[in-house]
Amino acid sequence: MKKRGRPGLKPHIESLIASGFLEDRKKPRKEWTPRKALAFDIQQEIEKKGWSAPELSTLMGRISDYSKKNKDPDPEDKPWNMATLDLYPIPPEAIPEVLRIWALRMEGGESFTIREAKWVARLSAFILPISPYTRLQIAAYARKYALLESIYQLLKWPFDTTILDRILMGVKGPETVDLKGFEPYIPLIATLGDGEERLEDFIKILRGGTSYENS
């Protein structure tokens, strides 16, 4: 049951707030953005995508709710290294590719979590042949899948990757789209890159399909 005074939000707005919160929480605790400033940043991001953003007070309330839910972060969101394989094993044949992508992240000063390593291992068996270009695609998709999984987990929605899977495989969507039917997949919007942010662009992707080769 929702707390009294917490207004209901549309799924894509809820997802974007959750995404902004989760991305901020990737930083060391002492670098977390203050609640009001984070709410403002998220508000700006929502408006940049062409949507009407909730008031700052509403956003701050959601951030407080997420902070309580995320008081004990999932262990899979901790940094990956070889020692984590004892508790979070991945197929031995995938380890070289995981190490290479971890190296790319380190060179770029970016984090690399246990959750992302899990998705790199899964995707490296599909996006072939491995090359410098496809390695970047694996890294990008691993980040999308990991963020999507974290959003569903934070919002306590049943995890479903169907639409992102279709985009990965280049499978075309239906000719017509009933938005209500796609509500379970709306968190995907928060993972899309430049040029894919607006809802109509998301629907265009669903209809036309795309793949890791041209995404």
N, C-alpha and C. Protein backbone atom coordinates (compact mmCIF):
# COMPACT_ATOMS: atom_id res chain seq x y z
N MET A 1 0.85 -1.20 0.00
CA MET A 1 0.00 0.00 0.00
C MET A 1 0.89 1.24 0.00
N LYS A 2 0.55 2.21 -0.86
CA LYS A 2 1.34 3.43 -0.94
C LYS A 2 1.08 4.32 0.26
N LYS A 3 2.11 5.03 0.66
CA LYS A 3 1.96 5.94 1.77
C LYS A 3 0.99 7.06 1.41
N ARG A 4 0.26 7.51 2.40
CA ARG A 4 -0.67 8.61 2.18
C ARG A 4 0.12 9.86 1.77
N GLY A 5 -0.41 10.54 0.77
CA GLY A 5 0.25 11.76 0.34
C GLY A 5 1.25 11.54 -0.79
N ARG A 6 1.55 10.27 -1.14
CA ARG A 6 2.46 9.99 -2.25
C ARG A 6 1.62 9.85 -3.52
N PRO A 7 1.69 10.81 -4.43
CA PRO A 7 0.88 10.73 -5.65
C PRO A 7 1.35 9.59 -6.56
N GLY A 8 0.40 8.99 -7.28
CA GLY A 8 0.76 7.95 -8.22
C GLY A 8 1.46 8.56 -9.43
N LEU A 9 2.45 7.87 -9.96
CA LEU A 9 3.19 8.36 -11.11
C LEU A 9 3.11 7.35 -12.23
N LYS A 10 3.19 7.83 -13.47
CA LYS A 10 3.17 6.93 -14.61
C LYS A 10 4.44 6.08 -14.60
N PRO A 11 4.33 4.85 -15.12
CA PRO A 11 5.48 3.93 -15.05
C PRO A 11 6.77 4.48 -15.62
N HIS A 12 6.69 5.22 -16.76
CA HIS A 12 7.95 5.71 -17.35
C HIS A 12 8.58 6.80 -16.49
N ILE A 13 7.77 7.59 -15.79
CA ILE A 13 8.30 8.61 -14.89
C ILE A 13 8.91 7.95 -13.66
N GLU A 14 8.20 6.97 -13.11
CA GLU A 14 8.70 6.22 -11.96
C GLU A 14 10.05 5.58 -12.29
N SER A 15 10.14 5.04 -13.50
CA SER A 15 11.37 4.37 -13.93
C SER A 15 12.53 5.34 -14.04
N LEU A 16 12.27 6.54 -14.58
CA LEU A 16 13.33 7.52 -14.73
C LEU A 16 13.82 8.04 -13.38
N ILE A 17 12.90 8.19 -12.44
CA ILE A 17 13.31 8.61 -11.09
C ILE A 17 14.19 7.53 -10.47
N ALA A 18 13.74 6.27 -10.59
CA ALA A 18 14.52 5.15 -10.04
C ALA A 18 15.89 5.07 -10.69
N SER A 19 15.95 5.29 -12.01
CA SER A 19 17.22 5.24 -12.72
C SER A 19 18.18 6.32 -12.22
N GLY A 20 17.66 7.55 -12.07
CA GLY A 20 18.49 8.64 -11.57
C GLY A 20 19.02 8.37 -10.18
N PHE A 21 18.16 7.80 -9.34
CA PHE A 21 18.57 7.45 -7.98
C PHE A 21 19.66 6.38 -8.00
N LEU A 22 19.45 5.33 -8.78
CA LEU A 22 20.41 4.22 -8.82
C LEU A 22 21.76 4.65 -9.39
N GLU A 23 21.73 5.49 -10.42
CA GLU A 23 22.99 5.96 -11.00
C GLU A 23 23.77 6.79 -9.97
N ASP A 24 23.06 7.59 -9.19
CA ASP A 24 23.74 8.40 -8.16
C ASP A 24 24.33 7.51 -7.08
N ARG A 25 23.65 6.42 -6.75
CA ARG A 25 24.10 5.53 -5.68
C ARG A 25 25.29 4.67 -6.10
N LYS A 26 25.67 4.73 -7.37
CA LYS A 26 26.87 4.02 -7.80
C LYS A 26 28.12 4.72 -7.28
N LYS A 27 27.99 5.99 -6.94
CA LYS A 27 29.14 6.75 -6.44
C LYS A 27 29.43 6.39 -4.99
N PRO A 28 30.64 6.65 -4.52
CA PRO A 28 30.93 6.45 -3.09
C PRO A 28 29.93 7.24 -2.24
N ARG A 29 29.60 6.72 -1.06
CA ARG A 29 28.57 7.34 -0.24
C ARG A 29 28.81 8.83 0.02
N LYS A 30 30.05 9.20 0.25
CA LYS A 30 30.34 10.60 0.55
C LYS A 30 30.12 11.52 -0.64
N GLU A 31 29.98 10.92 -1.85
CA GLU A 31 29.77 11.71 -3.06
C GLU A 31 28.31 11.71 -3.51
N TRP A 32 27.41 11.06 -2.75
CA TRP A 32 26.01 11.04 -3.13
C TRP A 32 25.47 12.47 -3.21
N THR A 33 24.66 12.73 -4.21
CA THR A 33 24.07 14.06 -4.39
C THR A 33 23.01 14.31 -3.32
N PRO A 34 23.00 15.48 -2.68
CA PRO A 34 21.95 15.80 -1.71
C PRO A 34 20.57 15.62 -2.32
N ARG A 35 19.60 15.25 -1.50
CA ARG A 35 18.28 14.86 -1.98
C ARG A 35 17.63 15.93 -2.86
N LYS A 36 17.64 17.18 -2.42
CA LYS A 36 16.99 18.23 -3.20
C LYS A 36 17.69 18.45 -4.53
N ALA A 37 19.02 18.43 -4.52
CA ALA A 37 19.79 18.63 -5.75
C ALA A 37 19.56 17.46 -6.71
N LEU A 38 19.48 16.24 -6.17
CA LEU A 38 19.23 15.08 -7.02
C LEU A 38 17.83 15.15 -7.62
N ALA A 39 16.86 15.58 -6.81
CA ALA A 39 15.49 15.74 -7.31
C ALA A 39 15.45 16.75 -8.46
N PHE A 40 16.20 17.83 -8.32
CA PHE A 40 16.26 18.85 -9.38
C PHE A 40 16.89 18.26 -10.64
N ASP A 41 17.98 17.53 -10.48
CA ASP A 41 18.65 16.93 -11.64
C ASP A 41 17.71 15.97 -12.38
N ILE A 42 16.97 15.16 -11.61
CA ILE A 42 16.04 14.20 -12.21
C ILE A 42 14.90 14.94 -12.90
N GLN A 43 14.42 16.02 -12.28
CA GLN A 43 13.36 16.82 -12.87
C GLN A 43 13.81 17.38 -14.23
N GLN A 44 15.04 17.88 -14.28
CA GLN A 44 15.58 18.42 -15.53
C GLN A 44 15.70 17.33 -16.59
N GLU A 45 16.12 16.15 -16.17
CA GLU A 45 16.29 15.03 -17.11
C GLU A 45 14.94 14.62 -17.70
N ILE A 46 13.92 14.56 -16.87
CA ILE A 46 12.58 14.20 -17.35
C ILE A 46 12.08 15.23 -18.36
N GLU A 47 12.25 16.51 -18.03
CA GLU A 47 11.79 17.58 -18.93
C GLU A 47 12.58 17.58 -20.24
N LYS A 48 13.86 17.22 -20.16
CA LYS A 48 14.69 17.16 -21.36
C LYS A 48 14.18 16.10 -22.33
N LYS A 49 13.54 15.07 -21.78
CA LYS A 49 13.01 14.00 -22.61
C LYS A 49 11.63 14.35 -23.17
N GLY A 50 11.14 15.54 -22.84
CA GLY A 50 9.89 15.98 -23.42
C GLY A 50 8.65 15.67 -22.61
N TRP A 51 8.82 15.29 -21.34
CA TRP A 51 7.67 14.95 -20.50
C TRP A 51 7.47 15.99 -19.40
N SER A 52 6.25 16.01 -18.87
CA SER A 52 5.95 16.88 -17.74
C SER A 52 6.50 16.23 -16.47
N ALA A 53 7.38 16.93 -15.78
CA ALA A 53 8.04 16.37 -14.60
C ALA A 53 7.23 16.64 -13.33
N PRO A 54 7.27 15.73 -12.36
CA PRO A 54 6.62 15.98 -11.07
C PRO A 54 7.28 17.15 -10.34
N GLU A 55 6.59 17.68 -9.36
CA GLU A 55 7.14 18.76 -8.55
C GLU A 55 8.32 18.25 -7.75
N LEU A 56 9.20 19.17 -7.35
CA LEU A 56 10.38 18.79 -6.58
C LEU A 56 10.01 18.03 -5.31
N SER A 57 8.94 18.45 -4.63
CA SER A 57 8.54 17.78 -3.39
C SER A 57 8.18 16.32 -3.63
N THR A 58 7.53 16.05 -4.78
CA THR A 58 7.16 14.68 -5.13
C THR A 58 8.42 13.86 -5.41
N LEU A 59 9.34 14.44 -6.15
CA LEU A 59 10.59 13.74 -6.47
C LEU A 59 11.40 13.47 -5.21
N MET A 60 11.45 14.44 -4.32
CA MET A 60 12.19 14.26 -3.07
C MET A 60 11.56 13.14 -2.23
N GLY A 61 10.23 13.07 -2.27
CA GLY A 61 9.55 12.00 -1.54
C GLY A 61 9.89 10.63 -2.09
N ARG A 62 9.94 10.54 -3.44
CA ARG A 62 10.30 9.27 -4.06
C ARG A 62 11.73 8.88 -3.70
N ILE A 63 12.63 9.84 -3.74
CA ILE A 63 14.03 9.56 -3.41
C ILE A 63 14.14 9.05 -1.97
N SER A 64 13.37 9.63 -1.08
CA SER A 64 13.37 9.16 0.32
C SER A 64 12.87 7.73 0.40
N ASP A 65 11.80 7.43 -0.36
CA ASP A 65 11.27 6.06 -0.39
C ASP A 65 12.32 5.09 -0.90
N TYR A 66 12.99 5.46 -1.98
CA TYR A 66 14.00 4.58 -2.56
C TYR A 66 15.18 4.39 -1.61
N SER A 67 15.53 5.44 -0.89
CA SER A 67 16.64 5.33 0.07
C SER A 67 16.33 4.31 1.15
N LYS A 68 15.07 4.29 1.59
CA LYS A 68 14.67 3.32 2.61
C LYS A 68 14.68 1.91 2.05
N LYS A 69 14.20 1.76 0.80
CA LYS A 69 14.17 0.45 0.16
C LYS A 69 15.59 -0.05 -0.12
N ASN A 70 16.48 0.88 -0.40
CA ASN A 70 17.84 0.55 -0.82
C ASN A 70 18.84 0.72 0.32
N LYS A 71 18.34 0.63 1.55
CA LYS A 71 19.21 0.83 2.72
C LYS A 71 20.35 -0.18 2.73
N ASP A 72 20.03 -1.40 2.34
CA ASP A 72 21.06 -2.45 2.21
C ASP A 72 21.15 -2.82 0.75
N PRO A 73 22.03 -2.17 -0.01
CA PRO A 73 22.13 -2.42 -1.46
C PRO A 73 22.37 -3.89 -1.77
N ASP A 74 21.87 -4.30 -2.91
CA ASP A 74 22.06 -5.68 -3.36
C ASP A 74 23.55 -5.97 -3.52
N PRO A 75 24.02 -7.11 -3.04
CA PRO A 75 25.45 -7.45 -3.17
C PRO A 75 25.93 -7.45 -4.62
N GLU A 76 25.01 -7.70 -5.57
CA GLU A 76 25.41 -7.72 -6.98
C GLU A 76 25.81 -6.33 -7.50
N ASP A 77 25.49 -5.30 -6.74
CA ASP A 77 25.86 -3.96 -7.14
C ASP A 77 27.21 -3.53 -6.56
N LYS A 78 27.89 -4.45 -5.92
CA LYS A 78 29.25 -4.19 -5.43
C LYS A 78 30.25 -4.36 -6.57
N PRO A 79 31.44 -3.78 -6.45
CA PRO A 79 32.44 -3.90 -7.51
C PRO A 79 32.83 -5.36 -7.76
N TRP A 80 33.02 -5.69 -9.04
CA TRP A 80 33.43 -7.04 -9.41
C TRP A 80 34.94 -7.16 -9.37
N ASN A 81 35.43 -8.32 -8.98
CA ASN A 81 36.83 -8.70 -9.17
C ASN A 81 36.87 -10.23 -9.14
N MET A 82 38.00 -10.80 -9.40
CA MET A 82 38.09 -12.26 -9.51
C MET A 82 37.68 -12.97 -8.22
N ALA A 83 37.91 -12.32 -7.08
CA ALA A 83 37.56 -12.94 -5.80
C ALA A 83 36.05 -13.13 -5.64
N THR A 84 35.25 -12.33 -6.37
CA THR A 84 33.80 -12.45 -6.24
C THR A 84 33.27 -13.71 -6.90
N LEU A 85 34.11 -14.38 -7.68
CA LEU A 85 33.66 -15.59 -8.38
C LEU A 85 33.28 -16.71 -7.42
N ASP A 86 33.82 -16.69 -6.21
CA ASP A 86 33.47 -17.73 -5.24
C ASP A 86 31.98 -17.70 -4.91
N LEU A 87 31.43 -16.50 -4.77
CA LEU A 87 30.01 -16.36 -4.44
C LEU A 87 29.14 -16.11 -5.66
N TYR A 88 29.74 -15.52 -6.70
CA TYR A 88 28.98 -15.19 -7.90
C TYR A 88 29.72 -15.74 -9.13
N PRO A 89 29.66 -17.05 -9.32
CA PRO A 89 30.41 -17.67 -10.41
C PRO A 89 29.84 -17.32 -11.78
N ILE A 90 30.71 -17.26 -12.77
CA ILE A 90 30.31 -17.12 -14.16
C ILE A 90 31.06 -18.21 -14.94
N PRO A 91 30.58 -18.59 -16.12
CA PRO A 91 31.26 -19.64 -16.89
C PRO A 91 32.73 -19.32 -17.12
N PRO A 92 33.62 -20.27 -16.88
CA PRO A 92 35.06 -20.02 -17.04
C PRO A 92 35.42 -19.46 -18.41
N GLU A 93 34.72 -19.93 -19.47
CA GLU A 93 35.05 -19.47 -20.82
C GLU A 93 34.71 -17.99 -21.03
N ALA A 94 33.86 -17.42 -20.15
CA ALA A 94 33.48 -16.01 -20.29
C ALA A 94 34.41 -15.08 -19.52
N ILE A 95 35.23 -15.64 -18.65
CA ILE A 95 36.07 -14.80 -17.79
C ILE A 95 37.04 -13.91 -18.58
N PRO A 96 37.71 -14.40 -19.63
CA PRO A 96 38.61 -13.50 -20.37
C PRO A 96 37.90 -12.25 -20.90
N GLU A 97 36.68 -12.42 -21.42
CA GLU A 97 35.96 -11.26 -21.95
C GLU A 97 35.52 -10.32 -20.82
N VAL A 98 35.12 -10.89 -19.70
CA VAL A 98 34.75 -10.07 -18.54
C VAL A 98 35.96 -9.24 -18.09
N LEU A 99 37.13 -9.85 -18.05
CA LEU A 99 38.34 -9.13 -17.66
C LEU A 99 38.67 -8.00 -18.64
N ARG A 100 38.49 -8.26 -19.94
CA ARG A 100 38.79 -7.23 -20.93
C ARG A 100 37.86 -6.02 -20.78
N ILE A 101 36.58 -6.30 -20.54
CA ILE A 101 35.63 -5.20 -20.39
C ILE A 101 35.84 -4.49 -19.06
N TRP A 102 36.21 -5.23 -18.04
CA TRP A 102 36.56 -4.59 -16.76
C TRP A 102 37.74 -3.64 -16.97
N ALA A 103 38.71 -4.08 -17.77
CA ALA A 103 39.88 -3.23 -18.06
C ALA A 103 39.45 -1.95 -18.78
N LEU A 104 38.51 -2.08 -19.72
CA LEU A 104 37.99 -0.89 -20.42
C LEU A 104 37.36 0.08 -19.44
N ARG A 105 36.59 -0.46 -18.50
CA ARG A 105 35.93 0.39 -17.50
C ARG A 105 36.97 1.07 -16.61
N MET A 106 37.98 0.31 -16.20
CA MET A 106 39.02 0.90 -15.35
C MET A 106 39.75 2.02 -16.08
N GLU A 107 40.06 1.80 -17.36
CA GLU A 107 40.75 2.82 -18.16
C GLU A 107 39.91 4.09 -18.27
N GLY A 108 38.58 3.91 -18.29
CA GLY A 108 37.70 5.06 -18.39
C GLY A 108 37.29 5.63 -17.05
N GLY A 109 37.83 5.07 -15.97
CA GLY A 109 37.50 5.55 -14.63
C GLY A 109 36.07 5.24 -14.24
N GLU A 110 35.50 4.16 -14.81
CA GLU A 110 34.11 3.81 -14.55
C GLU A 110 34.02 2.58 -13.66
N SER A 111 32.89 2.44 -12.99
CA SER A 111 32.66 1.29 -12.12
C SER A 111 32.28 0.07 -12.96
N PHE A 112 32.44 -1.11 -12.36
CA PHE A 112 32.07 -2.37 -13.02
C PHE A 112 31.59 -3.30 -11.91
N THR A 113 30.30 -3.57 -11.92
CA THR A 113 29.70 -4.32 -10.82
C THR A 113 29.59 -5.82 -11.10
N ILE A 114 29.32 -6.55 -10.05
CA ILE A 114 29.08 -7.99 -10.17
C ILE A 114 27.92 -8.25 -11.12
N ARG A 115 26.89 -7.41 -11.02
CA ARG A 115 25.71 -7.55 -11.89
C ARG A 115 26.09 -7.37 -13.37
N GLU A 116 26.92 -6.35 -13.65
CA GLU A 116 27.35 -6.12 -15.03
C GLU A 116 28.21 -7.27 -15.54
N ALA A 117 29.09 -7.79 -14.69
CA ALA A 117 29.93 -8.92 -15.09
C ALA A 117 29.06 -10.11 -15.47
N LYS A 118 28.00 -10.33 -14.73
CA LYS A 118 27.06 -11.42 -15.02
C LYS A 118 26.47 -11.26 -16.42
N TRP A 119 26.08 -10.01 -16.75
CA TRP A 119 25.48 -9.78 -18.07
C TRP A 119 26.52 -9.81 -19.18
N VAL A 120 27.74 -9.38 -18.91
CA VAL A 120 28.80 -9.50 -19.91
C VAL A 120 29.02 -10.96 -20.26
N ALA A 121 29.04 -11.81 -19.24
CA ALA A 121 29.24 -13.25 -19.47
C ALA A 121 28.13 -13.82 -20.35
N ARG A 122 26.91 -13.39 -20.11
CA ARG A 122 25.78 -13.89 -20.90
C ARG A 122 25.83 -13.37 -22.33
N LEU A 123 26.11 -12.09 -22.49
CA LEU A 123 26.07 -11.47 -23.81
C LEU A 123 27.25 -11.86 -24.69
N SER A 124 28.39 -12.16 -24.08
CA SER A 124 29.58 -12.48 -24.87
C SER A 124 29.43 -13.77 -25.66
N ALA A 125 28.45 -14.59 -25.28
CA ALA A 125 28.19 -15.82 -26.02
C ALA A 125 27.28 -15.56 -27.22
N PHE A 126 26.68 -14.37 -27.28
CA PHE A 126 25.75 -14.05 -28.36
C PHE A 126 26.32 -13.06 -29.36
N ILE A 127 26.95 -12.01 -28.87
CA ILE A 127 27.46 -10.96 -29.76
C ILE A 127 28.83 -11.38 -30.26
N LEU A 128 28.83 -12.03 -31.41
CA LEU A 128 30.05 -12.60 -31.99
C LEU A 128 30.18 -12.14 -33.44
N PRO A 129 31.40 -12.17 -34.01
CA PRO A 129 32.67 -12.49 -33.36
C PRO A 129 33.13 -11.33 -32.47
N ILE A 130 33.94 -11.64 -31.48
CA ILE A 130 34.44 -10.62 -30.57
C ILE A 130 35.49 -9.77 -31.30
N SER A 131 35.31 -8.46 -31.24
CA SER A 131 36.24 -7.51 -31.83
C SER A 131 36.22 -6.27 -30.95
N PRO A 132 37.12 -5.31 -31.17
CA PRO A 132 37.05 -4.08 -30.36
C PRO A 132 35.68 -3.41 -30.44
N TYR A 133 35.04 -3.45 -31.62
CA TYR A 133 33.72 -2.83 -31.78
C TYR A 133 32.65 -3.60 -31.01
N THR A 134 32.59 -4.91 -31.22
CA THR A 134 31.55 -5.68 -30.53
C THR A 134 31.78 -5.72 -29.02
N ARG A 135 33.03 -5.58 -28.61
CA ARG A 135 33.31 -5.53 -27.16
C ARG A 135 32.66 -4.29 -26.54
N LEU A 136 32.71 -3.19 -27.25
CA LEU A 136 32.03 -1.98 -26.77
C LEU A 136 30.52 -2.19 -26.72
N GLN A 137 30.00 -2.94 -27.70
CA GLN A 137 28.57 -3.23 -27.72
C GLN A 137 28.17 -4.13 -26.55
N ILE A 138 29.00 -5.12 -26.25
CA ILE A 138 28.74 -5.99 -25.10
C ILE A 138 28.71 -5.16 -23.82
N ALA A 139 29.70 -4.28 -23.68
CA ALA A 139 29.77 -3.44 -22.48
C ALA A 139 28.54 -2.55 -22.36
N ALA A 140 28.10 -1.97 -23.49
CA ALA A 140 26.95 -1.07 -23.47
C ALA A 140 25.67 -1.84 -23.12
N TYR A 141 25.49 -2.99 -23.72
CA TYR A 141 24.29 -3.77 -23.44
C TYR A 141 24.30 -4.35 -22.03
N ALA A 142 25.47 -4.72 -21.55
CA ALA A 142 25.56 -5.22 -20.16
C ALA A 142 25.10 -4.14 -19.19
N ARG A 143 25.49 -2.90 -19.47
CA ARG A 143 25.07 -1.78 -18.61
C ARG A 143 23.56 -1.58 -18.69
N LYS A 144 22.99 -1.69 -19.89
CA LYS A 144 21.55 -1.55 -20.05
C LYS A 144 20.80 -2.64 -19.28
N TYR A 145 21.22 -3.89 -19.45
CA TYR A 145 20.54 -4.99 -18.76
C TYR A 145 20.69 -4.87 -17.25
N ALA A 146 21.87 -4.50 -16.79
CA ALA A 146 22.10 -4.37 -15.35
C ALA A 146 21.24 -3.26 -14.75
N LEU A 147 21.18 -2.12 -15.45
CA LEU A 147 20.36 -1.00 -14.96
C LEU A 147 18.89 -1.39 -14.97
N LEU A 148 18.45 -2.04 -16.04
CA LEU A 148 17.06 -2.46 -16.15
C LEU A 148 16.70 -3.41 -15.00
N GLU A 149 17.58 -4.36 -14.72
CA GLU A 149 17.34 -5.30 -13.63
C GLU A 149 17.25 -4.57 -12.29
N SER A 150 18.13 -3.60 -12.08
CA SER A 150 18.12 -2.85 -10.82
C SER A 150 16.86 -2.02 -10.65
N ILE A 151 16.37 -1.44 -11.77
CA ILE A 151 15.14 -0.64 -11.70
C ILE A 151 13.96 -1.51 -11.31
N TYR A 152 13.80 -2.64 -11.97
CA TYR A 152 12.72 -3.56 -11.64
C TYR A 152 12.81 -4.00 -10.18
N GLN A 153 14.01 -4.26 -9.74
CA GLN A 153 14.22 -4.72 -8.37
C GLN A 153 13.84 -3.64 -7.37
N LEU A 154 14.26 -2.40 -7.64
CA LEU A 154 13.95 -1.29 -6.73
C LEU A 154 12.44 -1.02 -6.67
N LEU A 155 11.79 -1.09 -7.83
CA LEU A 155 10.36 -0.81 -7.90
C LEU A 155 9.51 -2.03 -7.52
N LYS A 156 10.18 -3.16 -7.31
CA LYS A 156 9.50 -4.41 -6.95
C LYS A 156 8.48 -4.82 -8.03
N TRP A 157 8.91 -4.68 -9.28
CA TRP A 157 8.12 -5.14 -10.42
C TRP A 157 8.73 -6.44 -10.92
N PRO A 158 7.94 -7.38 -11.45
CA PRO A 158 8.49 -8.63 -12.00
C PRO A 158 9.46 -8.31 -13.15
N PHE A 159 10.65 -8.85 -13.07
CA PHE A 159 11.69 -8.55 -14.04
C PHE A 159 11.36 -9.17 -15.39
N ASP A 160 11.46 -8.37 -16.46
CA ASP A 160 11.17 -8.85 -17.81
C ASP A 160 12.06 -8.10 -18.79
N THR A 161 12.83 -8.84 -19.58
CA THR A 161 13.77 -8.22 -20.53
C THR A 161 13.31 -8.38 -21.97
N THR A 162 12.06 -8.78 -22.19
CA THR A 162 11.60 -9.13 -23.54
C THR A 162 11.92 -8.07 -24.58
N ILE A 163 11.60 -6.79 -24.28
CA ILE A 163 11.77 -5.76 -25.30
C ILE A 163 13.25 -5.49 -25.57
N LEU A 164 14.06 -5.44 -24.52
CA LEU A 164 15.49 -5.24 -24.73
C LEU A 164 16.08 -6.43 -25.49
N ASP A 165 15.59 -7.62 -25.22
CA ASP A 165 16.03 -8.80 -25.96
C ASP A 165 15.72 -8.64 -27.45
N ARG A 166 14.52 -8.13 -27.74
CA ARG A 166 14.13 -7.95 -29.14
C ARG A 166 15.02 -6.93 -29.83
N ILE A 167 15.33 -5.85 -29.12
CA ILE A 167 16.22 -4.83 -29.69
C ILE A 167 17.60 -5.42 -29.94
N LEU A 168 18.10 -6.19 -28.98
CA LEU A 168 19.40 -6.84 -29.12
C LEU A 168 19.45 -7.74 -30.35
N MET A 169 18.37 -8.51 -30.56
CA MET A 169 18.34 -9.47 -31.66
C MET A 169 17.91 -8.86 -32.98
N GLY A 170 17.43 -7.59 -32.94
CA GLY A 170 16.97 -6.96 -34.17
C GLY A 170 15.63 -7.48 -34.63
N VAL A 171 14.82 -8.00 -33.71
CA VAL A 171 13.50 -8.52 -34.05
C VAL A 171 12.50 -7.37 -34.08
N LYS A 172 11.75 -7.25 -35.17
CA LYS A 172 10.79 -6.16 -35.30
C LYS A 172 9.64 -6.32 -34.33
N GLY A 173 9.12 -5.16 -33.92
CA GLY A 173 7.95 -5.14 -33.05
C GLY A 173 6.67 -5.22 -33.86
N PRO A 174 5.52 -5.21 -33.20
CA PRO A 174 4.24 -5.29 -33.90
C PRO A 174 3.95 -4.00 -34.67
N GLU A 175 3.03 -4.10 -35.65
CA GLU A 175 2.68 -2.94 -36.45
C GLU A 175 1.98 -1.86 -35.62
N THR A 176 1.17 -2.30 -34.67
CA THR A 176 0.49 -1.35 -33.78
C THR A 176 0.88 -1.68 -32.35
N VAL A 177 0.90 -0.67 -31.51
CA VAL A 177 1.35 -0.85 -30.13
C VAL A 177 0.29 -0.36 -29.15
N ASP A 178 -0.12 -1.21 -28.25
CA ASP A 178 -1.01 -0.81 -27.16
C ASP A 178 -0.12 -0.51 -25.96
N LEU A 179 -0.02 0.77 -25.60
CA LEU A 179 0.90 1.15 -24.52
C LEU A 179 0.63 0.39 -23.24
N LYS A 180 -0.64 0.11 -22.97
CA LYS A 180 -0.96 -0.61 -21.74
C LYS A 180 -0.30 -1.98 -21.75
N GLY A 181 -0.23 -2.58 -22.93
CA GLY A 181 0.40 -3.90 -23.02
C GLY A 181 1.90 -3.85 -22.81
N PHE A 182 2.49 -2.67 -22.98
CA PHE A 182 3.93 -2.55 -22.84
C PHE A 182 4.36 -1.95 -21.50
N GLU A 183 3.39 -1.66 -20.64
CA GLU A 183 3.73 -1.05 -19.35
C GLU A 183 4.79 -1.83 -18.57
N PRO A 184 4.75 -3.18 -18.58
CA PRO A 184 5.78 -3.91 -17.82
C PRO A 184 7.20 -3.66 -18.34
N TYR A 185 7.31 -3.17 -19.58
CA TYR A 185 8.64 -2.98 -20.18
C TYR A 185 9.09 -1.53 -20.17
N ILE A 186 8.25 -0.63 -19.66
CA ILE A 186 8.54 0.80 -19.69
C ILE A 186 9.89 1.15 -19.04
N PRO A 187 10.35 0.43 -18.01
CA PRO A 187 11.67 0.78 -17.45
C PRO A 187 12.79 0.82 -18.48
N LEU A 188 12.59 0.15 -19.62
CA LEU A 188 13.60 0.18 -20.67
C LEU A 188 13.90 1.60 -21.11
N ILE A 189 12.91 2.49 -21.04
CA ILE A 189 13.10 3.88 -21.47
C ILE A 189 14.28 4.51 -20.74
N ALA A 190 14.44 4.17 -19.46
CA ALA A 190 15.52 4.76 -18.66
C ALA A 190 16.89 4.29 -19.10
N THR A 191 16.98 3.23 -19.92
CA THR A 191 18.28 2.71 -20.33
C THR A 191 18.66 3.16 -21.73
N LEU A 192 17.74 3.83 -22.45
CA LEU A 192 18.01 4.18 -23.83
C LEU A 192 18.94 5.37 -23.93
N GLY A 193 19.69 5.43 -25.01
CA GLY A 193 20.70 6.47 -25.17
C GLY A 193 20.19 7.69 -25.91
N ASP A 194 21.12 8.56 -26.30
CA ASP A 194 20.78 9.80 -27.01
C ASP A 194 20.01 9.48 -28.29
N GLY A 195 18.94 10.24 -28.53
CA GLY A 195 18.13 10.02 -29.72
C GLY A 195 17.06 8.97 -29.53
N GLU A 196 17.05 8.33 -28.34
CA GLU A 196 16.06 7.28 -28.09
C GLU A 196 15.22 7.60 -26.86
N GLU A 197 15.30 8.84 -26.36
CA GLU A 197 14.73 9.14 -25.06
C GLU A 197 13.22 9.28 -25.05
N ARG A 198 12.65 9.93 -26.08
CA ARG A 198 11.23 10.24 -26.03
C ARG A 198 10.38 8.99 -26.25
N LEU A 199 9.17 9.02 -25.71
CA LEU A 199 8.32 7.84 -25.77
C LEU A 199 8.02 7.43 -27.21
N GLU A 200 7.79 8.43 -28.10
CA GLU A 200 7.49 8.07 -29.49
C GLU A 200 8.69 7.39 -30.15
N ASP A 201 9.91 7.77 -29.74
CA ASP A 201 11.10 7.10 -30.27
C ASP A 201 11.18 5.67 -29.75
N PHE A 202 10.79 5.50 -28.50
CA PHE A 202 10.78 4.16 -27.90
C PHE A 202 9.82 3.27 -28.67
N ILE A 203 8.63 3.80 -28.96
CA ILE A 203 7.64 3.02 -29.70
C ILE A 203 8.14 2.73 -31.12
N LYS A 204 8.83 3.70 -31.71
CA LYS A 204 9.40 3.49 -33.04
C LYS A 204 10.38 2.32 -33.02
N ILE A 205 11.19 2.25 -31.96
CA ILE A 205 12.13 1.14 -31.82
C ILE A 205 11.38 -0.18 -31.71
N LEU A 206 10.30 -0.18 -30.92
CA LEU A 206 9.51 -1.39 -30.74
C LEU A 206 8.96 -1.88 -32.07
N ARG A 207 8.52 -0.94 -32.89
CA ARG A 207 7.90 -1.31 -34.17
C ARG A 207 8.93 -1.74 -35.20
N GLY A 208 10.05 -0.98 -35.25
CA GLY A 208 11.00 -1.22 -36.32
C GLY A 208 12.13 -2.16 -35.98
N GLY A 209 12.42 -2.31 -34.68
CA GLY A 209 13.52 -3.15 -34.28
C GLY A 209 14.85 -2.48 -34.58
N THR A 210 15.88 -2.87 -33.88
CA THR A 210 17.24 -2.42 -34.13
C THR A 210 18.14 -3.53 -33.59
N SER A 211 19.41 -3.41 -33.70
CA SER A 211 20.29 -4.46 -33.20
C SER A 211 21.58 -3.85 -32.70
N TYR A 212 22.42 -4.69 -32.11
CA TYR A 212 23.67 -4.16 -31.59
C TYR A 212 24.56 -3.64 -32.69
N GLU A 213 24.28 -4.01 -33.93
CA GLU A 213 25.12 -3.57 -35.03
C GLU A 213 24.88 -2.12 -35.41
N ASN A 214 23.65 -1.60 -35.13
CA ASN A 214 23.39 -0.22 -35.53
C ASN A 214 22.69 0.58 -34.45
N SER A 215 22.74 0.11 -33.22
CA SER A 215 22.05 0.84 -32.15
C SER A 215 22.93 1.96 -31.62
